[in-house]
Protein backbone atom coordinates (compact mmCIF):
# COMPACT_ATOMS: atom_id res chain seq x y z
CA MET A 1 112.93 127.96 82.48
CA SER A 2 112.43 124.58 80.75
CA ASP A 3 109.16 124.43 78.34
CA THR A 4 108.02 121.65 80.94
CA ALA A 5 108.18 123.99 83.81
CA GLU A 6 106.49 122.02 87.07
CA LYS A 7 105.27 124.03 89.54
CA LYS A 8 107.73 122.94 92.47
CA GLN A 9 105.94 122.84 95.85
CA GLY A 10 107.62 121.77 99.30
CA LEU A 11 107.38 118.94 101.20
CA ARG A 12 103.90 118.60 102.71
CA LYS A 13 103.04 117.05 105.98
CA GLN A 14 100.57 113.52 105.20
CA ARG A 15 98.82 111.73 107.90
CA VAL A 16 97.08 108.44 107.44
CA GLY A 17 93.66 107.77 109.41
CA ASN A 18 90.17 106.78 108.81
CA VAL A 19 87.13 108.32 107.32
CA VAL A 20 84.35 109.01 110.41
CA SER A 21 82.30 111.58 107.97
CA THR A 22 81.47 111.97 104.99
CA LYS A 23 77.97 114.08 104.90
CA MET A 24 79.70 117.24 103.67
CA ASN A 25 79.67 118.29 99.98
CA LYS A 26 83.40 117.38 99.02
CA THR A 27 84.78 117.06 102.01
CA ILE A 28 85.54 114.05 104.51
CA VAL A 29 86.08 114.14 108.00
CA VAL A 30 89.71 111.73 109.03
CA GLU A 31 90.45 110.70 112.33
CA PHE A 32 93.92 110.52 112.82
CA ILE A 33 95.52 108.57 115.50
CA ALA A 34 99.16 109.21 116.79
CA ARG A 35 101.03 106.74 119.14
CA VAL A 36 102.95 109.35 121.30
CA PRO A 37 105.01 108.40 124.18
CA HIS A 38 103.15 109.87 127.48
CA PRO A 39 105.67 113.21 128.49
CA LYS A 40 106.56 111.65 132.00
CA PHE A 41 105.93 108.42 132.26
CA LYS A 42 107.02 107.58 128.39
CA LYS A 43 104.45 104.92 127.96
CA ILE A 44 102.68 104.62 124.54
CA ILE A 45 99.32 106.47 124.30
CA LYS A 46 97.22 107.07 121.52
CA ARG A 47 96.21 110.94 120.84
CA SER A 48 93.27 111.01 118.06
CA LYS A 49 92.80 114.34 116.05
CA LYS A 50 89.92 115.28 113.46
CA PHE A 51 91.16 116.60 110.17
CA TYR A 52 88.60 118.05 107.53
CA ALA A 53 90.21 117.14 104.43
CA HIS A 54 89.03 118.02 100.89
CA ASP A 55 87.48 115.06 98.74
CA GLU A 56 86.68 116.62 95.07
CA LYS A 57 85.30 113.29 93.35
CA GLY A 58 83.14 112.14 96.45
CA GLU A 59 85.64 108.51 96.33
CA ALA A 60 86.04 108.01 99.65
CA ALA A 61 83.24 106.85 102.37
CA ILE A 62 82.90 105.79 105.64
CA GLY A 63 85.65 103.44 107.40
CA ASP A 64 88.26 103.91 104.35
CA LYS A 65 91.82 104.24 105.46
CA VAL A 66 92.69 107.23 103.49
CA ARG A 67 96.03 109.26 103.09
CA ILE A 68 95.49 112.88 103.12
CA GLU A 69 98.09 115.95 102.51
CA GLU A 70 98.57 119.73 103.28
CA THR A 71 96.91 121.80 101.37
CA ARG A 72 96.58 125.68 101.31
CA PRO A 73 93.33 127.07 102.96
CA MET A 74 90.07 126.15 101.42
CA SER A 75 87.45 126.93 104.10
CA LYS A 76 87.23 127.56 107.62
CA LEU A 77 88.15 124.43 108.73
CA LYS A 78 89.61 122.65 105.45
CA ARG A 79 93.24 122.86 105.58
CA TRP A 80 94.02 119.04 103.90
CA ARG A 81 93.23 117.28 100.78
CA LEU A 82 92.75 113.38 99.78
CA ALA A 83 95.58 111.98 98.36
CA GLU A 84 94.66 108.54 97.95
CA VAL A 85 92.62 105.98 99.58
CA LEU A 86 94.34 103.27 100.69
CA THR A 87 91.49 100.61 101.76
CA HIS A 88 87.96 100.41 101.03
CA HIS A 89 85.67 99.66 103.78
């Protein structure tokens, strides 16, 4: 092993969404909107899902556009962490 042994991690899912809540301690709720074709009619429709993400420094605010990244389970609902804040609202 080299002395600069870096921890190798596989490709992790990333999502871009808007912060809808910051009321919990070190946790944000991010709404992700996916534009997917309807299974039968093929028209593009919006599907939304909320993710609980870990925000250690509390840098995200409501309305911010953020990128979240998959991580190990941190609590009952948290499986994502804040990767970066893309735009401040």
